[in-house]
Amino acid sequence: MLFFMVSDIEKANFMYKLVVGKRNWGRKYERLEHLKRFENLNRIVKELSKKEWLNVYNKPNYTAVSLNSKKKR
């Protein structure tokens, strides 16, 4: 099994897209299908949600993410 960590640059670009481009804090979320330009999208979401930077919402038809407003400061 190959396992590697996603680079910090990829994570930072993902978070930058959510903060500046979409303003997704708290209950304002974005569908993952709208963010598919990121090559390692599933790994980025998994690592950031473990560190409590992301909130993941599993809706019936899609999965969405937003930034954790507790980390806003």
PDB file of N, CA and C in Angstrom:
ATOM      1  N   MET A   1       0.842  -1.189   0.000  1.00  0.00           N
ATOM      2  CA  MET A   1       0.000   0.000   0.000  1.00  0.00           C
ATOM      3  C   MET A   1       0.880   1.243   0.000  1.00  0.00           C
ATOM      4  N   LEU A   2       0.653   2.104  -0.963  1.00  0.00           N
ATOM      5  CA  LEU A   2       1.394   3.353  -1.028  1.00  0.00           C
ATOM      6  C   LEU A   2       0.672   4.415  -0.222  1.00  0.00           C
ATOM      7  N   PHE A   3       1.419   5.108   0.576  1.00  0.00           N
ATOM      8  CA  PHE A   3       0.830   6.171   1.387  1.00  0.00           C
ATOM      9  C   PHE A   3       1.772   7.359   1.352  1.00  0.00           C
ATOM     10  N   PHE A   4       1.270   8.498   1.019  1.00  0.00           N
ATOM     11  CA  PHE A   4       2.077   9.701   1.065  1.00  0.00           C
ATOM     12  C   PHE A   4       1.223  10.866   1.516  1.00  0.00           C
ATOM     13  N   MET A   5       1.877  11.815   2.102  1.00  0.00           N
ATOM     14  CA  MET A   5       1.184  12.997   2.592  1.00  0.00           C
ATOM     15  C   MET A   5       1.040  14.005   1.445  1.00  0.00           C
ATOM     16  N   VAL A   6      -0.032  14.713   1.439  1.00  0.00           N
ATOM     17  CA  VAL A   6      -0.249  15.768   0.458  1.00  0.00           C
ATOM     18  C   VAL A   6       0.613  16.946   0.879  1.00  0.00           C
ATOM     19  N   SER A   7       1.207  17.614  -0.087  1.00  0.00           N
ATOM     20  CA  SER A   7       2.096  18.719   0.248  1.00  0.00           C
ATOM     21  C   SER A   7       1.313  19.869   0.892  1.00  0.00           C
ATOM     22  N   ASP A   8       2.022  20.626   1.688  1.00  0.00           N
ATOM     23  CA  ASP A   8       1.410  21.767   2.361  1.00  0.00           C
ATOM     24  C   ASP A   8       0.964  22.823   1.352  1.00  0.00           C
ATOM     25  N   ILE A   9       1.645  22.902   0.227  1.00  0.00           N
ATOM     26  CA  ILE A   9       1.270  23.876  -0.801  1.00  0.00           C
ATOM     27  C   ILE A   9      -0.097  23.534  -1.389  1.00  0.00           C
ATOM     28  N   GLU A  10      -0.341  22.257  -1.634  1.00  0.00           N
ATOM     29  CA  GLU A  10      -1.641  21.841  -2.154  1.00  0.00           C
ATOM     30  C   GLU A  10      -2.754  22.140  -1.151  1.00  0.00           C
ATOM     31  N   LYS A  11      -2.488  21.866   0.117  1.00  0.00           N
ATOM     32  CA  LYS A  11      -3.488  22.156   1.154  1.00  0.00           C
ATOM     33  C   LYS A  11      -3.744  23.654   1.266  1.00  0.00           C
ATOM     34  N   ALA A  12      -2.674  24.436   1.192  1.00  0.00           N
ATOM     35  CA  ALA A  12      -2.820  25.887   1.284  1.00  0.00           C
ATOM     36  C   ALA A  12      -3.603  26.435   0.097  1.00  0.00           C
ATOM     37  N   ASN A  13      -3.350  25.925  -1.096  1.00  0.00           N
ATOM     38  CA  ASN A  13      -4.097  26.368  -2.275  1.00  0.00           C
ATOM     39  C   ASN A  13      -5.577  26.016  -2.156  1.00  0.00           C
ATOM     40  N   PHE A  14      -5.873  24.841  -1.621  1.00  0.00           N
ATOM     41  CA  PHE A  14      -7.254  24.415  -1.419  1.00  0.00           C
ATOM     42  C   PHE A  14      -7.958  25.333  -0.426  1.00  0.00           C
ATOM     43  N   MET A  15      -7.301  25.606   0.687  1.00  0.00           N
ATOM     44  CA  MET A  15      -7.904  26.477   1.706  1.00  0.00           C
ATOM     45  C   MET A  15      -8.038  27.906   1.188  1.00  0.00           C
ATOM     46  N   TYR A  16      -7.059  28.368   0.414  1.00  0.00           N
ATOM     47  CA  TYR A  16      -7.122  29.705  -0.177  1.00  0.00           C
ATOM     48  C   TYR A  16      -8.336  29.826  -1.090  1.00  0.00           C
ATOM     49  N   LYS A  17      -8.585  28.781  -1.868  1.00  0.00           N
ATOM     50  CA  LYS A  17      -9.740  28.776  -2.766  1.00  0.00           C
ATOM     51  C   LYS A  17     -11.040  28.878  -1.972  1.00  0.00           C
ATOM     52  N   LEU A  18     -11.123  28.161  -0.857  1.00  0.00           N
ATOM     53  CA  LEU A  18     -12.334  28.215  -0.035  1.00  0.00           C
ATOM     54  C   LEU A  18     -12.501  29.558   0.668  1.00  0.00           C
ATOM     55  N   VAL A  19     -11.399  30.142   1.128  1.00  0.00           N
ATOM     56  CA  VAL A  19     -11.482  31.393   1.895  1.00  0.00           C
ATOM     57  C   VAL A  19     -11.718  32.592   0.985  1.00  0.00           C
ATOM     58  N   VAL A  20     -10.833  32.800   0.045  1.00  0.00           N
ATOM     59  CA  VAL A  20     -10.882  34.014  -0.765  1.00  0.00           C
ATOM     60  C   VAL A  20     -11.919  33.901  -1.883  1.00  0.00           C
ATOM     61  N   GLY A  21     -11.890  32.802  -2.590  1.00  0.00           N
ATOM     62  CA  GLY A  21     -12.785  32.674  -3.731  1.00  0.00           C
ATOM     63  C   GLY A  21     -14.220  32.435  -3.368  1.00  0.00           C
ATOM     64  N   LYS A  22     -14.464  31.652  -2.349  1.00  0.00           N
ATOM     65  CA  LYS A  22     -15.830  31.228  -2.033  1.00  0.00           C
ATOM     66  C   LYS A  22     -16.362  31.782  -0.717  1.00  0.00           C
ATOM     67  N   ARG A  23     -15.492  32.212   0.184  1.00  0.00           N
ATOM     68  CA  ARG A  23     -15.872  32.682   1.517  1.00  0.00           C
ATOM     69  C   ARG A  23     -16.701  31.634   2.260  1.00  0.00           C
ATOM     70  N   ASN A  24     -16.191  30.428   2.305  1.00  0.00           N
ATOM     71  CA  ASN A  24     -16.909  29.295   2.895  1.00  0.00           C
ATOM     72  C   ASN A  24     -16.459  29.047   4.328  1.00  0.00           C
ATOM     73  N   TRP A  25     -17.031  29.765   5.253  1.00  0.00           N
ATOM     74  CA  TRP A  25     -16.789  29.552   6.679  1.00  0.00           C
ATOM     75  C   TRP A  25     -18.074  29.051   7.301  1.00  0.00           C
ATOM     76  N   GLY A  26     -17.960  28.128   8.210  1.00  0.00           N
ATOM     77  CA  GLY A  26     -19.131  27.665   8.948  1.00  0.00           C
ATOM     78  C   GLY A  26     -20.127  26.916   8.088  1.00  0.00           C
ATOM     79  N   ARG A  27     -21.366  27.396   8.031  1.00  0.00           N
ATOM     80  CA  ARG A  27     -22.428  26.699   7.317  1.00  0.00           C
ATOM     81  C   ARG A  27     -22.468  27.016   5.821  1.00  0.00           C
ATOM     82  N   LYS A  28     -21.596  27.858   5.315  1.00  0.00           N
ATOM     83  CA  LYS A  28     -21.515  28.119   3.881  1.00  0.00           C
ATOM     84  C   LYS A  28     -20.545  27.101   3.301  1.00  0.00           C
ATOM     85  N   TYR A  29     -21.064  26.158   2.579  1.00  0.00           N
ATOM     86  CA  TYR A  29     -20.220  25.072   2.106  1.00  0.00           C
ATOM     87  C   TYR A  29     -20.183  25.009   0.583  1.00  0.00           C
ATOM     88  N   GLU A  30     -19.201  24.283   0.086  1.00  0.00           N
ATOM     89  CA  GLU A  30     -18.991  24.111  -1.343  1.00  0.00           C
ATOM     90  C   GLU A  30     -18.974  22.630  -1.676  1.00  0.00           C
ATOM     91  N   ARG A  31     -19.605  22.243  -2.751  1.00  0.00           N
ATOM     92  CA  ARG A  31     -19.597  20.851  -3.191  1.00  0.00           C
ATOM     93  C   ARG A  31     -18.203  20.455  -3.646  1.00  0.00           C
ATOM     94  N   LEU A  32     -17.821  19.236  -3.353  1.00  0.00           N
ATOM     95  CA  LEU A  32     -16.510  18.757  -3.778  1.00  0.00           C
ATOM     96  C   LEU A  32     -16.400  18.668  -5.294  1.00  0.00           C
ATOM     97  N   GLU A  33     -17.495  18.438  -5.972  1.00  0.00           N
ATOM     98  CA  GLU A  33     -17.445  18.337  -7.426  1.00  0.00           C
ATOM     99  C   GLU A  33     -17.096  19.671  -8.089  1.00  0.00           C
ATOM    100  N   HIS A  34     -17.263  20.772  -7.366  1.00  0.00           N
ATOM    101  CA  HIS A  34     -16.878  22.077  -7.892  1.00  0.00           C
ATOM    102  C   HIS A  34     -15.394  22.362  -7.672  1.00  0.00           C
ATOM    103  N   LEU A  35     -14.735  21.522  -6.904  1.00  0.00           N
ATOM    104  CA  LEU A  35     -13.320  21.727  -6.586  1.00  0.00           C
ATOM    105  C   LEU A  35     -12.440  20.632  -7.189  1.00  0.00           C
ATOM    106  N   LYS A  36     -12.876  20.022  -8.264  1.00  0.00           N
ATOM    107  CA  LYS A  36     -12.151  18.881  -8.796  1.00  0.00           C
ATOM    108  C   LYS A  36     -10.881  19.249  -9.563  1.00  0.00           C
ATOM    109  N   ARG A  37     -10.510  20.523  -9.600  1.00  0.00           N
ATOM    110  CA  ARG A  37      -9.250  20.901 -10.237  1.00  0.00           C
ATOM    111  C   ARG A  37      -8.046  20.469  -9.398  1.00  0.00           C
ATOM    112  N   PHE A  38      -8.286  20.158  -8.124  1.00  0.00           N
ATOM    113  CA  PHE A  38      -7.220  19.702  -7.239  1.00  0.00           C
ATOM    114  C   PHE A  38      -6.985  18.213  -7.472  1.00  0.00           C
ATOM    115  N   GLU A  39      -5.739  17.878  -7.748  1.00  0.00           N
ATOM    116  CA  GLU A  39      -5.377  16.512  -8.127  1.00  0.00           C
ATOM    117  C   GLU A  39      -5.642  15.498  -7.016  1.00  0.00           C
ATOM    118  N   ASN A  40      -5.278  15.810  -5.796  1.00  0.00           N
ATOM    119  CA  ASN A  40      -5.416  14.908  -4.649  1.00  0.00           C
ATOM    120  C   ASN A  40      -6.542  15.366  -3.737  1.00  0.00           C
ATOM    121  N   LEU A  41      -7.689  15.633  -4.300  1.00  0.00           N
ATOM    122  CA  LEU A  41      -8.797  16.230  -3.560  1.00  0.00           C
ATOM    123  C   LEU A  41      -9.220  15.398  -2.361  1.00  0.00           C
ATOM    124  N   ASN A  42      -9.372  14.098  -2.534  1.00  0.00           N
ATOM    125  CA  ASN A  42      -9.821  13.252  -1.423  1.00  0.00           C
ATOM    126  C   ASN A  42      -8.807  13.212  -0.296  1.00  0.00           C
ATOM    127  N   ARG A  43      -7.542  13.162  -0.625  1.00  0.00           N
ATOM    128  CA  ARG A  43      -6.503  13.152   0.422  1.00  0.00           C
ATOM    129  C   ARG A  43      -6.421  14.494   1.138  1.00  0.00           C
ATOM    130  N   ILE A  44      -6.563  15.579   0.395  1.00  0.00           N
ATOM    131  CA  ILE A  44      -6.543  16.910   1.010  1.00  0.00           C
ATOM    132  C   ILE A  44      -7.683  17.036   2.012  1.00  0.00           C
ATOM    133  N   VAL A  45      -8.873  16.636   1.599  1.00  0.00           N
ATOM    134  CA  VAL A  45     -10.042  16.734   2.475  1.00  0.00           C
ATOM    135  C   VAL A  45      -9.864  15.851   3.702  1.00  0.00           C
ATOM    136  N   LYS A  46      -9.359  14.651   3.504  1.00  0.00           N
ATOM    137  CA  LYS A  46      -9.160  13.723   4.613  1.00  0.00           C
ATOM    138  C   LYS A  46      -8.162  14.274   5.637  1.00  0.00           C
ATOM    139  N   GLU A  47      -7.023  14.790   5.160  1.00  0.00           N
ATOM    140  CA  GLU A  47      -5.999  15.304   6.081  1.00  0.00           C
ATOM    141  C   GLU A  47      -6.456  16.567   6.799  1.00  0.00           C
ATOM    142  N   LEU A  48      -7.108  17.479   6.088  1.00  0.00           N
ATOM    143  CA  LEU A  48      -7.556  18.718   6.730  1.00  0.00           C
ATOM    144  C   LEU A  48      -8.720  18.486   7.691  1.00  0.00           C
ATOM    145  N   SER A  49      -9.553  17.509   7.406  1.00  0.00           N
ATOM    146  CA  SER A  49     -10.650  17.230   8.334  1.00  0.00           C
ATOM    147  C   SER A  49     -10.141  16.538   9.598  1.00  0.00           C
ATOM    148  N   LYS A  50      -9.065  15.747   9.489  1.00  0.00           N
ATOM    149  CA  LYS A  50      -8.467  15.140  10.684  1.00  0.00           C
ATOM    150  C   LYS A  50      -7.883  16.200  11.602  1.00  0.00           C
ATOM    151  N   LYS A  51      -7.329  17.260  11.001  1.00  0.00           N
ATOM    152  CA  LYS A  51      -6.745  18.351  11.788  1.00  0.00           C
ATOM    153  C   LYS A  51      -7.795  19.391  12.184  1.00  0.00           C
ATOM    154  N   GLU A  52      -9.063  19.094  11.893  1.00  0.00           N
ATOM    155  CA  GLU A  52     -10.203  19.944  12.234  1.00  0.00           C
ATOM    156  C   GLU A  52     -10.186  21.299  11.541  1.00  0.00           C
ATOM    157  N   TRP A  53      -9.633  21.387  10.346  1.00  0.00           N
ATOM    158  CA  TRP A  53      -9.670  22.606   9.555  1.00  0.00           C
ATOM    159  C   TRP A  53     -10.903  22.646   8.670  1.00  0.00           C
ATOM    160  N   LEU A  54     -11.454  21.469   8.358  1.00  0.00           N
ATOM    161  CA  LEU A  54     -12.607  21.390   7.476  1.00  0.00           C
ATOM    162  C   LEU A  54     -13.788  20.731   8.163  1.00  0.00           C
ATOM    163  N   ASN A  55     -14.977  21.184   7.813  1.00  0.00           N
ATOM    164  CA  ASN A  55     -16.215  20.500   8.169  1.00  0.00           C
ATOM    165  C   ASN A  55     -16.689  19.791   6.906  1.00  0.00           C
ATOM    166  N   VAL A  56     -17.000  18.516   7.011  1.00  0.00           N
ATOM    167  CA  VAL A  56     -17.457  17.739   5.869  1.00  0.00           C
ATOM    168  C   VAL A  56     -18.942  17.442   6.060  1.00  0.00           C
ATOM    169  N   TYR A  57     -19.728  17.752   5.043  1.00  0.00           N
ATOM    170  CA  TYR A  57     -21.173  17.527   5.073  1.00  0.00           C
ATOM    171  C   TYR A  57     -21.510  16.466   4.036  1.00  0.00           C
ATOM    172  N   ASN A  58     -22.060  15.354   4.485  1.00  0.00           N
ATOM    173  CA  ASN A  58     -22.487  14.286   3.581  1.00  0.00           C
ATOM    174  C   ASN A  58     -23.979  14.442   3.314  1.00  0.00           C
ATOM    175  N   LYS A  59     -24.302  15.034   2.188  1.00  0.00           N
ATOM    176  CA  LYS A  59     -25.688  15.226   1.767  1.00  0.00           C
ATOM    177  C   LYS A  59     -26.131  13.996   0.984  1.00  0.00           C
ATOM    178  N   PRO A  60     -27.427  13.814   0.760  1.00  0.00           N
ATOM    179  CA  PRO A  60     -27.890  12.627   0.027  1.00  0.00           C
ATOM    180  C   PRO A  60     -27.311  12.507  -1.388  1.00  0.00           C
ATOM    181  N   ASN A  61     -27.122  13.621  -2.081  1.00  0.00           N
ATOM    182  CA  ASN A  61     -26.667  13.569  -3.468  1.00  0.00           C
ATOM    183  C   ASN A  61     -25.229  13.996  -3.686  1.00  0.00           C
ATOM    184  N   TYR A  62     -24.599  14.563  -2.684  1.00  0.00           N
ATOM    185  CA  TYR A  62     -23.234  15.064  -2.853  1.00  0.00           C
ATOM    186  C   TYR A  62     -22.552  15.210  -1.500  1.00  0.00           C
ATOM    187  N   THR A  63     -21.260  15.469  -1.540  1.00  0.00           N
ATOM    188  CA  THR A  63     -20.472  15.761  -0.345  1.00  0.00           C
ATOM    189  C   THR A  63     -19.975  17.194  -0.452  1.00  0.00           C
ATOM    190  N   ALA A  64     -20.049  17.932   0.636  1.00  0.00           N
ATOM    191  CA  ALA A  64     -19.648  19.330   0.634  1.00  0.00           C
ATOM    192  C   ALA A  64     -18.677  19.593   1.783  1.00  0.00           C
ATOM    193  N   VAL A  65     -17.889  20.656   1.660  1.00  0.00           N
ATOM    194  CA  VAL A  65     -16.926  21.033   2.694  1.00  0.00           C
ATOM    195  C   VAL A  65     -17.016  22.529   2.963  1.00  0.00           C
ATOM    196  N   SER A  66     -16.655  22.892   4.179  1.00  0.00           N
ATOM    197  CA  SER A  66     -16.489  24.291   4.545  1.00  0.00           C
ATOM    198  C   SER A  66     -15.370  24.362   5.572  1.00  0.00           C
ATOM    199  N   LEU A  67     -14.842  25.542   5.748  1.00  0.00           N
ATOM    200  CA  LEU A  67     -13.780  25.733   6.732  1.00  0.00           C
ATOM    201  C   LEU A  67     -14.390  25.838   8.121  1.00  0.00           C
ATOM    202  N   ASN A  68     -13.677  25.330   9.097  1.00  0.00           N
ATOM    203  CA  ASN A  68     -14.134  25.359  10.486  1.00  0.00           C
ATOM    204  C   ASN A  68     -14.017  26.776  11.008  1.00  0.00           C
ATOM    205  N   SER A  69     -15.131  27.361  11.423  1.00  0.00           N
ATOM    206  CA  SER A  69     -15.126  28.751  11.877  1.00  0.00           C
ATOM    207  C   SER A  69     -14.398  28.929  13.201  1.00  0.00           C
ATOM    208  N   LYS A  70     -14.162  27.845  13.950  1.00  0.00           N
ATOM    209  CA  LYS A  70     -13.395  27.944  15.187  1.00  0.00           C
ATOM    210  C   LYS A  70     -11.926  28.248  14.913  1.00  0.00           C
ATOM    211  N   LYS A  71     -11.459  27.952  13.715  1.00  0.00           N
ATOM    212  CA  LYS A  71     -10.063  28.201  13.340  1.00  0.00           C
ATOM    213  C   LYS A  71      -9.905  29.517  12.587  1.00  0.00           C
ATOM    214  N   LYS A  72     -10.946  30.313  12.520  1.00  0.00           N
ATOM    215  CA  LYS A  72     -10.931  31.535  11.692  1.00  0.00           C
ATOM    216  C   LYS A  72      -9.889  32.538  12.130  1.00  0.00           C
ATOM    217  N   ARG A  73      -9.675  32.648  13.401  1.00  0.00           N
ATOM    218  CA  ARG A  73      -8.718  33.627  13.915  1.00  0.00           C
ATOM    219  C   ARG A  73      -7.345  33.258  13.469  1.00  0.00           C
TER     220      ARG A  73
END
